[in-house]
């Protein structure tokens, strides 16, 4: 990961979202230690060996197949699924596996 790259941070227990977005502002020790700008505007340092910091895909990118994501990790898959769901693309693939999200409403895709 490099300075300026987006990332995901595991959210503290009790939060409504499992991950929160961040931005890498400093890289030290050959990439083993990162300083991340958190959504609340504060910065925090993380040791990659002990922290849950994940590379994020570029903002606004989504893919019909999770395998096409640049970074294939838990928060990136969840975000891709969420972004597709928000525009009523309820079907997504991971390779040959179909992932369907219940929209809890009727969609015009069946007409």
Foldseek 3Di string as FASTA:
>chain_A
DDAFFKKWFQDDPPDPDRIFIWGWHDADDPRQKTWIQGPVRDIDIDGNVPGPIGGEAPPPDEDLELVPTPGNDDVNVVVNCVVCLVVPNQWGHHVPDIGGDDNVDDDPPVD
